[in-house]
Amino acid sequence: MTAVTAGESRAAALGAVSAKWLAAGLSTAPADRAAATDSVRLAYRSAGLPEPRHVVWFASPLAGARAAALLTGRRDLPGAAPDPDEEAIAAELRAQRCPPVVGSAGPSVRNAVRTAPWAAARSDALELLGPDGWAALWSACGADVWRLVNDRIATPLRTHLRGELPVHARAVLLDAVGGQHDAGWLAAFDAASPPASPGPSAPAAEPVEAAPMFSAGPVGAVWASTGKPADAALHAVQPLAGLAGVARSASWWWPYANVAIVSDRPDALHRDNIGRLHAADAPALHYSDGYALHAWRGMPIPSELVDRLAHLTHREIAGERNAELRRVMLEHFGYERYLREAGARKVSQDECGVLWRLNFADDEPLTMVEVINSTPEPDGTSRVYWLRVPPDTTSARAGVAWTFGLTEAEYRPMVET
């Protein structure tokens, strides 16, 4: 049996932490509202703030943002349009014993609860690990989670929310904490935490603070390699325990002085093979109150377009003025079918394939190379591929060369596959 080296053990531990937080960031499981509420209160205490008088829950970030707009008074700003869902939001607040009084939330405490503790923990980690150590830790544990959760889910969600909210309410998005969508940087801090030590037992009569939220995925070797005490690491990350607890059960949340507004995780999430929001006939992201985001390969699309995709014609595609939506329609319709039905012109043909072009009145031409796989399928047939190439391509050979980053003159394959 091959012995496991310290480096392999550490890599496995980092991978486990990364996987744990990626699962949290992508989770569609029902929230443990009681545990998350306790974690909200812990986040306030860790920031040196009084606990909020009310912690209220909403089924989606859209509903949470609307509640924030009501309770902060932004709905009374000059020029604010009436929110048709305001009465439903007010009723939900009353049901949770939080009076829907305009302005009662108090000022945002996001900086104290989230920004300042994060900055302090990162500063401490940099000092303890050094710039190279922190960069290596982020690369091994946080970067991929950040890309798959923040870049590919939270960013499109924020864009969609801005379009759904009344103009005056959009500012509350600046007050939001990411919850599960903060998984990337929480993974890095989790990996930086040392192994939990049992320590002395607290007297039964004394209140016991919530258990550290990072104890499930420590990587003690990180600290052992620095020769610095683990207590320093605990001091760095423990103020983030409340934030980590909320992230395990909730989506976006809004911390204000008097009220914390928390939203549930989605109940459905669909992605493509590289992690982008994507679904052909259903919302890519859906919440239990019906709020949904439709997306095609990471790009948010109108819900009405989803209904049209199954019944598209080439004329509808040609008439679409939005170039990005036209691309979605083309991909769903199929390039081969579109070129055939819309009457594409054959530009050239050579040993590499056939070059086709179709002009649009208000966009660059659709130019594609039709190539045949030289290796037959198991049933003896040869598969046809369509490659989109730059509109100024003049030959099939030049188009195939471009896909390899070569010029036509440079493209001289020894063996075709």
Protein backbone atom coordinates (compact mmCIF):
# COMPACT_ATOMS: atom_id res chain seq x y z
CA MET A 1 0.00 0.00 0.00
CA THR A 2 1.36 3.41 -0.95
CA ALA A 3 1.79 5.81 1.96
CA VAL A 4 -0.16 9.05 1.79
CA THR A 5 2.14 12.04 1.90
CA ALA A 6 1.44 15.15 3.96
CA GLY A 7 0.93 17.11 0.73
CA GLU A 8 -1.64 14.61 -0.54
CA SER A 9 -3.43 14.63 2.80
CA ARG A 10 -3.58 18.41 2.79
CA ALA A 11 -4.82 18.51 -0.84
CA ALA A 12 -7.56 16.01 0.04
CA ALA A 13 -8.59 18.11 3.04
CA LEU A 14 -8.70 21.29 0.93
CA GLY A 15 -10.77 19.47 -1.68
CA ALA A 16 -13.23 18.31 0.96
CA VAL A 17 -13.70 21.87 2.26
CA SER A 18 -14.18 23.19 -1.27
CA ALA A 19 -16.74 20.48 -2.06
CA LYS A 20 -18.63 21.16 1.16
CA TRP A 21 -19.02 24.87 0.44
CA LEU A 22 -19.81 24.34 -3.22
CA ALA A 23 -22.64 22.05 -2.12
CA ALA A 24 -23.88 24.78 0.24
CA GLY A 25 -23.67 27.41 -2.48
CA LEU A 26 -25.70 25.27 -4.89
CA SER A 27 -28.11 23.78 -2.37
CA THR A 28 -31.87 23.75 -3.02
CA ALA A 29 -32.76 22.02 0.24
CA PRO A 30 -35.31 23.68 2.57
CA ALA A 31 -33.73 26.08 5.03
CA ASP A 32 -33.25 25.25 8.67
CA ARG A 33 -34.80 28.55 9.64
CA ALA A 34 -34.25 28.12 13.37
CA ALA A 35 -30.52 27.43 12.96
CA ALA A 36 -30.12 30.26 10.44
CA THR A 37 -31.96 32.70 12.73
CA ASP A 38 -29.60 31.79 15.57
CA SER A 39 -26.68 32.39 13.22
CA VAL A 40 -28.04 35.82 12.24
CA ARG A 41 -28.13 36.78 15.89
CA LEU A 42 -24.62 35.41 16.38
CA ALA A 43 -23.38 37.53 13.46
CA TYR A 44 -24.73 40.66 15.17
CA ARG A 45 -23.16 39.72 18.50
CA SER A 46 -19.83 38.94 16.83
CA ALA A 47 -19.89 42.44 15.31
CA GLY A 48 -20.49 43.95 18.76
CA LEU A 49 -24.08 44.92 17.90
CA PRO A 50 -27.32 44.33 19.78
CA GLU A 51 -29.34 41.51 18.26
CA PRO A 52 -32.10 42.67 15.88
CA ARG A 53 -35.56 42.94 17.40
CA HIS A 54 -37.00 40.96 14.51
CA VAL A 55 -35.63 38.29 12.17
CA VAL A 56 -38.15 37.82 9.37
CA TRP A 57 -38.16 35.33 6.52
CA PHE A 58 -39.26 35.55 2.91
CA ALA A 59 -39.37 32.85 0.26
CA SER A 60 -37.13 34.59 -2.30
CA PRO A 61 -34.54 37.38 -2.62
CA LEU A 62 -37.12 39.39 -4.62
CA ALA A 63 -39.61 39.31 -1.73
CA GLY A 64 -36.79 40.03 0.73
CA ALA A 65 -35.68 43.06 -1.28
CA ARG A 66 -39.24 44.38 -1.42
CA ALA A 67 -39.53 44.01 2.35
CA ALA A 68 -36.24 45.87 2.75
CA ALA A 69 -37.51 48.68 0.51
CA LEU A 70 -40.65 49.00 2.63
CA LEU A 71 -39.00 48.85 6.06
CA THR A 72 -36.15 51.22 5.15
CA GLY A 73 -38.50 53.85 3.73
CA ARG A 74 -37.17 53.75 0.20
CA ARG A 75 -40.71 53.30 -1.08
CA ASP A 76 -41.34 56.93 -0.02
CA LEU A 77 -38.53 58.44 -2.06
CA PRO A 78 -39.53 61.14 -4.60
CA GLY A 79 -40.61 59.57 -7.85
CA ALA A 80 -41.01 56.08 -6.35
CA ALA A 81 -43.59 53.99 -8.16
CA PRO A 82 -46.13 51.99 -6.14
CA ASP A 83 -45.10 48.38 -5.57
CA PRO A 84 -48.05 46.12 -6.47
CA ASP A 85 -46.80 43.47 -4.04
CA GLU A 86 -46.40 45.82 -1.07
CA GLU A 87 -49.59 44.75 0.69
CA ALA A 88 -48.64 41.08 0.44
CA ILE A 89 -45.21 41.92 1.88
CA ALA A 90 -46.81 43.92 4.70
CA ALA A 91 -49.15 41.03 5.49
CA GLU A 92 -46.22 38.62 5.68
CA LEU A 93 -44.42 40.96 8.06
CA ARG A 94 -47.49 41.17 10.30
CA ALA A 95 -47.77 37.38 10.30
CA GLN A 96 -44.22 37.26 11.69
CA ARG A 97 -45.05 39.90 14.32
CA CYS A 98 -42.93 42.56 12.67
CA PRO A 99 -44.96 45.78 12.22
CA PRO A 100 -44.65 46.97 8.57
CA VAL A 101 -43.74 50.49 9.64
CA VAL A 102 -41.95 52.50 6.99
CA GLY A 103 -38.42 53.35 8.15
CA SER A 104 -38.52 51.02 11.16
CA ALA A 105 -35.63 48.84 9.99
CA GLY A 106 -33.03 51.39 11.01
CA PRO A 107 -29.73 51.88 9.17
CA SER A 108 -27.95 49.09 7.35
CA VAL A 109 -25.33 47.33 9.47
CA ARG A 110 -23.90 45.31 6.57
CA ASN A 111 -20.48 46.89 6.97
CA ALA A 112 -20.25 45.90 10.64
CA VAL A 113 -21.76 42.44 10.20
CA ARG A 114 -20.15 41.33 6.96
CA THR A 115 -17.60 43.70 5.39
CA ALA A 116 -15.45 44.59 8.41
CA PRO A 117 -15.18 41.02 9.81
CA TRP A 118 -14.32 39.70 6.34
CA ALA A 119 -11.61 42.34 5.85
CA ALA A 120 -10.16 41.69 9.30
CA ALA A 121 -10.10 37.91 8.76
CA ARG A 122 -8.41 38.31 5.39
CA SER A 123 -5.84 40.69 6.87
CA ASP A 124 -5.08 38.25 9.70
CA ALA A 125 -4.85 35.32 7.28
CA LEU A 126 -2.47 37.27 5.05
CA GLU A 127 -0.28 38.08 8.02
CA LEU A 128 -0.24 34.50 9.26
CA LEU A 129 0.12 32.73 5.90
CA GLY A 130 1.91 35.37 3.87
CA PRO A 131 0.76 36.56 0.43
CA ASP A 132 1.88 33.35 -1.31
CA GLY A 133 0.26 31.12 1.27
CA TRP A 134 -3.04 32.97 1.09
CA ALA A 135 -2.98 33.00 -2.72
CA ALA A 136 -2.31 29.25 -2.78
CA LEU A 137 -5.12 28.62 -0.31
CA TRP A 138 -7.56 30.73 -2.33
CA SER A 139 -6.57 29.00 -5.55
CA ALA A 140 -6.96 25.54 -4.01
CA CYS A 141 -10.16 26.10 -2.10
CA GLY A 142 -12.02 29.34 -2.81
CA ALA A 143 -11.55 30.33 -6.45
CA ASP A 144 -13.56 27.56 -8.13
CA VAL A 145 -16.39 27.86 -5.62
CA TRP A 146 -16.50 31.63 -6.16
CA ARG A 147 -16.60 31.19 -9.94
CA LEU A 148 -19.36 28.57 -9.91
CA VAL A 149 -21.51 30.19 -7.23
CA ASN A 150 -20.92 33.93 -7.37
CA ASP A 151 -20.00 34.51 -11.00
CA ARG A 152 -22.41 32.01 -12.55
CA ILE A 153 -25.42 32.23 -10.22
CA ALA A 154 -25.34 35.29 -7.96
CA THR A 155 -24.30 37.75 -10.68
CA PRO A 156 -27.09 36.79 -13.14
CA LEU A 157 -29.53 36.77 -10.20
CA ARG A 158 -28.51 40.31 -9.25
CA THR A 159 -28.97 41.46 -12.86
CA HIS A 160 -32.41 39.86 -12.98
CA LEU A 161 -33.44 41.36 -9.63
CA ARG A 162 -32.54 44.84 -10.82
CA GLY A 163 -34.95 44.38 -13.69
CA GLU A 164 -37.74 43.03 -11.48
CA LEU A 165 -37.58 45.59 -8.67
CA PRO A 166 -39.11 49.07 -8.84
CA VAL A 167 -36.38 51.63 -9.57
CA HIS A 168 -36.44 53.12 -6.08
CA ALA A 169 -36.02 49.67 -4.47
CA ARG A 170 -32.89 48.66 -6.37
CA ALA A 171 -30.63 50.42 -3.88
CA VAL A 172 -31.45 47.78 -1.24
CA LEU A 173 -29.40 45.29 -3.26
CA LEU A 174 -26.35 47.15 -1.94
CA ASP A 175 -27.45 46.26 1.61
CA ALA A 176 -27.68 42.51 0.95
CA VAL A 177 -25.37 39.80 2.27
CA GLY A 178 -24.96 36.85 -0.09
CA GLY A 179 -25.80 33.99 2.27
CA GLN A 180 -25.11 30.75 0.38
CA HIS A 181 -23.69 32.81 -2.49
CA ASP A 182 -20.80 33.86 -0.23
CA ALA A 183 -19.62 30.24 -0.29
CA GLY A 184 -16.38 31.00 -2.14
CA TRP A 185 -14.69 33.18 0.42
CA LEU A 186 -16.23 31.19 3.30
CA ALA A 187 -14.55 28.08 1.84
CA ALA A 188 -11.17 29.79 1.95
CA PHE A 189 -11.60 30.93 5.54
CA ASP A 190 -12.92 27.50 6.52
CA ALA A 191 -9.81 25.88 5.03
CA ALA A 192 -7.67 28.35 6.96
CA SER A 193 -9.18 27.43 10.32
CA PRO A 194 -7.23 25.06 12.59
CA PRO A 195 -8.57 21.81 14.05
CA ALA A 196 -11.10 22.40 16.80
CA SER A 197 -9.78 21.57 20.24
CA PRO A 198 -12.13 20.38 22.96
CA GLY A 199 -10.97 22.93 25.54
CA PRO A 200 -12.36 23.15 29.08
CA SER A 201 -16.03 22.40 29.61
CA ALA A 202 -18.22 25.38 30.34
CA PRO A 203 -20.15 25.34 33.63
CA ALA A 204 -23.69 24.13 33.09
CA ALA A 205 -25.19 27.29 34.55
CA GLU A 206 -23.46 29.55 32.02
CA PRO A 207 -24.81 30.17 28.52
CA VAL A 208 -22.74 28.39 25.88
CA GLU A 209 -21.94 30.23 22.64
CA ALA A 210 -22.87 28.57 19.36
CA ALA A 211 -20.30 26.02 18.16
CA PRO A 212 -17.76 27.24 15.62
CA MET A 213 -19.20 26.98 12.12
CA PHE A 214 -15.83 26.16 10.60
CA SER A 215 -15.02 23.05 12.64
CA ALA A 216 -16.30 20.64 9.95
CA GLY A 217 -13.50 21.38 7.50
CA PRO A 218 -10.26 22.49 9.16
CA VAL A 219 -6.89 22.14 7.48
CA GLY A 220 -4.48 22.14 10.38
CA ALA A 221 -1.48 21.59 8.12
CA VAL A 222 -1.86 25.13 6.82
CA TRP A 223 -1.13 26.51 10.26
CA ALA A 224 1.38 23.82 11.21
CA SER A 225 3.48 24.86 8.22
CA THR A 226 3.64 28.45 9.49
CA GLY A 227 4.88 27.56 12.94
CA LYS A 228 2.33 30.01 14.37
CA PRO A 229 -0.20 29.23 17.10
CA ALA A 230 -3.64 27.93 16.12
CA ASP A 231 -5.18 30.43 18.52
CA ALA A 232 -4.25 33.18 16.06
CA ALA A 233 -6.18 31.41 13.32
CA LEU A 234 -9.24 30.99 15.52
CA HIS A 235 -9.10 34.68 16.33
CA ALA A 236 -9.05 35.42 12.59
CA VAL A 237 -12.00 33.30 11.49
CA GLN A 238 -14.31 32.92 14.47
CA PRO A 239 -16.07 36.31 14.00
CA LEU A 240 -17.31 34.86 10.68
CA ALA A 241 -19.09 31.92 12.31
CA GLY A 242 -22.49 33.60 12.24
CA LEU A 243 -22.14 34.47 8.56
CA ALA A 244 -21.12 30.89 7.80
CA GLY A 245 -24.13 29.55 9.68
CA VAL A 246 -26.55 31.67 7.69
CA ALA A 247 -24.86 30.63 4.44
CA ARG A 248 -25.52 26.99 5.25
CA SER A 249 -29.28 27.49 5.24
CA ALA A 250 -30.28 30.71 3.51
CA SER A 251 -29.96 32.82 0.40
CA TRP A 252 -29.53 36.60 0.45
CA TRP A 253 -30.25 38.48 3.66
CA TRP A 254 -30.43 42.10 4.78
CA PRO A 255 -29.00 43.17 8.17
CA TYR A 256 -30.43 46.40 9.57
CA ALA A 257 -30.12 47.80 13.07
CA ASN A 258 -33.61 46.71 14.14
CA VAL A 259 -34.60 44.04 11.63
CA ALA A 260 -32.82 41.27 9.74
CA ILE A 261 -34.61 40.10 6.58
CA VAL A 262 -33.64 36.61 5.38
CA SER A 263 -34.64 34.82 2.19
CA ASP A 264 -34.92 31.09 1.55
CA ARG A 265 -32.75 29.14 -0.84
CA PRO A 266 -34.17 28.26 -4.27
CA ASP A 267 -36.14 25.04 -4.59
CA ALA A 268 -34.81 24.33 -8.11
CA LEU A 269 -31.50 25.04 -9.82
CA HIS A 270 -30.51 23.91 -13.31
CA ARG A 271 -27.05 24.39 -14.86
CA ASP A 272 -25.25 23.33 -18.02
CA ASN A 273 -22.11 21.20 -18.15
CA ILE A 274 -19.83 24.10 -17.18
CA GLY A 275 -21.99 25.39 -14.36
CA ARG A 276 -23.91 28.20 -16.05
CA LEU A 277 -27.62 28.73 -15.34
CA HIS A 278 -29.40 26.90 -18.12
CA ALA A 279 -32.74 25.22 -18.84
CA ALA A 280 -34.62 24.85 -22.10
CA ASP A 281 -38.18 24.41 -20.86
CA ALA A 282 -38.20 25.45 -17.19
CA PRO A 283 -36.76 28.18 -14.96
CA ALA A 284 -33.04 27.75 -14.36
CA LEU A 285 -33.53 29.16 -10.85
CA HIS A 286 -36.85 28.92 -9.00
CA TYR A 287 -38.06 29.90 -5.52
CA SER A 288 -41.06 28.54 -3.63
CA ASP A 289 -43.06 31.79 -3.97
CA GLY A 290 -42.89 31.53 -7.78
CA TYR A 291 -40.03 33.93 -8.37
CA ALA A 292 -37.95 32.49 -11.18
CA LEU A 293 -35.06 33.24 -13.49
CA HIS A 294 -34.99 31.72 -16.96
CA ALA A 295 -31.55 31.42 -18.51
CA TRP A 296 -29.85 29.96 -21.54
CA ARG A 297 -26.17 29.09 -21.13
CA GLY A 298 -25.80 31.66 -18.37
CA MET A 299 -27.73 34.51 -19.99
CA PRO A 300 -31.03 35.53 -18.34
CA ILE A 301 -33.87 35.45 -20.87
CA PRO A 302 -37.51 36.62 -20.69
CA SER A 303 -39.98 33.95 -19.58
CA GLU A 304 -42.11 34.62 -22.65
CA LEU A 305 -39.20 33.58 -24.87
CA VAL A 306 -39.18 30.16 -23.19
CA ASP A 307 -42.78 29.63 -24.31
CA ARG A 308 -41.83 30.58 -27.89
CA LEU A 309 -38.76 28.37 -28.24
CA ALA A 310 -40.73 25.22 -28.98
CA HIS A 311 -42.61 26.92 -31.84
CA LEU A 312 -39.92 29.08 -33.47
CA THR A 313 -39.66 29.70 -37.19
CA HIS A 314 -36.65 30.97 -39.07
CA ARG A 315 -38.58 34.16 -39.85
CA GLU A 316 -39.09 34.89 -36.15
CA ILE A 317 -35.38 34.45 -35.55
CA ALA A 318 -34.47 36.77 -38.41
CA GLY A 319 -36.92 39.36 -37.07
CA GLU A 320 -35.47 39.37 -33.52
CA ARG A 321 -33.68 42.69 -32.97
CA ASN A 322 -31.84 41.70 -29.79
CA ALA A 323 -28.63 39.99 -30.92
CA GLU A 324 -28.18 38.05 -27.67
CA LEU A 325 -31.73 36.69 -27.73
CA ARG A 326 -31.29 35.83 -31.40
CA ARG A 327 -28.25 33.75 -30.45
CA VAL A 328 -30.33 31.86 -27.89
CA MET A 329 -33.03 31.26 -30.48
CA LEU A 330 -30.47 30.05 -33.03
CA GLU A 331 -28.88 27.60 -30.60
CA HIS A 332 -32.27 26.18 -29.64
CA PHE A 333 -33.54 26.04 -33.24
CA GLY A 334 -30.32 24.47 -34.51
CA TYR A 335 -27.83 26.10 -36.85
CA GLU A 336 -28.10 23.42 -39.52
CA ARG A 337 -31.87 23.67 -39.64
CA TYR A 338 -31.77 27.46 -39.65
CA LEU A 339 -29.24 27.69 -42.46
CA ARG A 340 -31.28 25.24 -44.52
CA GLU A 341 -34.69 26.85 -43.95
CA ALA A 342 -33.49 30.45 -44.20
CA GLY A 343 -31.67 29.87 -47.49
CA ALA A 344 -28.01 30.25 -46.57
CA ARG A 345 -25.53 30.72 -49.43
CA LYS A 346 -22.69 28.25 -50.03
CA VAL A 347 -19.51 30.35 -50.11
CA SER A 348 -16.92 27.67 -50.79
CA GLN A 349 -16.13 23.99 -50.45
CA ASP A 350 -12.80 22.23 -50.00
CA GLU A 351 -11.30 19.11 -48.42
CA CYS A 352 -12.08 20.49 -44.92
CA GLY A 353 -15.80 21.07 -45.45
CA VAL A 354 -18.36 23.55 -46.73
CA LEU A 355 -18.52 27.25 -45.78
CA TRP A 356 -22.03 28.72 -45.48
CA ARG A 357 -23.09 32.34 -44.94
CA LEU A 358 -26.42 33.98 -44.11
CA ASN A 359 -26.78 37.76 -43.91
CA PHE A 360 -28.80 39.69 -41.33
CA ALA A 361 -30.08 43.21 -41.90
CA ASP A 362 -28.91 44.53 -38.53
CA ASP A 363 -26.11 42.20 -37.42
CA GLU A 364 -22.97 40.50 -38.68
CA PRO A 365 -23.49 37.55 -41.05
CA LEU A 366 -23.95 34.05 -39.65
CA THR A 367 -20.96 32.18 -41.08
CA MET A 368 -20.48 28.47 -40.42
CA VAL A 369 -18.37 25.58 -41.59
CA GLU A 370 -20.03 22.21 -42.16
CA VAL A 371 -17.50 19.45 -41.43
CA ILE A 372 -17.79 15.68 -41.48
CA ASN A 373 -16.04 13.62 -38.82
CA SER A 374 -13.55 11.37 -40.62
CA THR A 375 -13.90 8.70 -37.92
CA PRO A 376 -17.14 6.73 -38.49
CA GLU A 377 -19.61 6.16 -35.66
CA PRO A 378 -20.11 2.58 -34.39
CA ASP A 379 -23.06 2.20 -36.78
CA GLY A 380 -20.89 3.18 -39.75
CA THR A 381 -22.33 6.67 -40.24
CA SER A 382 -20.24 9.86 -40.21
CA ARG A 383 -21.29 12.64 -37.89
CA VAL A 384 -21.70 16.18 -39.23
CA TYR A 385 -20.51 19.14 -37.12
CA TRP A 386 -21.25 22.85 -37.54
CA LEU A 387 -18.59 25.35 -36.49
CA ARG A 388 -19.40 29.05 -36.21
CA VAL A 389 -16.50 31.13 -37.53
CA PRO A 390 -15.73 34.86 -38.00
CA PRO A 391 -17.96 36.56 -40.59
CA ASP A 392 -15.02 37.47 -42.85
CA THR A 393 -13.91 33.83 -43.25
CA THR A 394 -13.42 33.02 -46.95
CA SER A 395 -12.96 29.24 -47.00
CA ALA A 396 -13.86 26.15 -45.01
CA ARG A 397 -10.17 25.45 -44.46
CA ALA A 398 -9.62 28.93 -43.04
CA GLY A 399 -12.60 28.46 -40.75
CA VAL A 400 -11.39 25.12 -39.39
CA ALA A 401 -7.89 26.59 -38.94
CA TRP A 402 -9.37 29.49 -36.96
CA THR A 403 -10.93 27.06 -34.46
CA PHE A 404 -7.40 25.86 -33.67
CA GLY A 405 -6.02 29.41 -33.41
CA LEU A 406 -4.12 29.03 -36.70
CA THR A 407 -4.08 30.76 -40.04
CA GLU A 408 -5.12 28.88 -43.18
CA ALA A 409 -1.47 28.62 -44.24
CA GLU A 410 -0.44 27.21 -40.84
CA TYR A 411 -3.17 24.59 -40.75
CA ARG A 412 -1.59 21.37 -42.08
CA PRO A 413 -2.93 18.42 -40.07
CA MET A 414 -0.95 15.21 -40.45
CA VAL A 415 -3.92 13.00 -39.56
CA GLU A 416 -7.59 13.95 -39.47
CA THR A 417 -9.65 12.64 -36.54
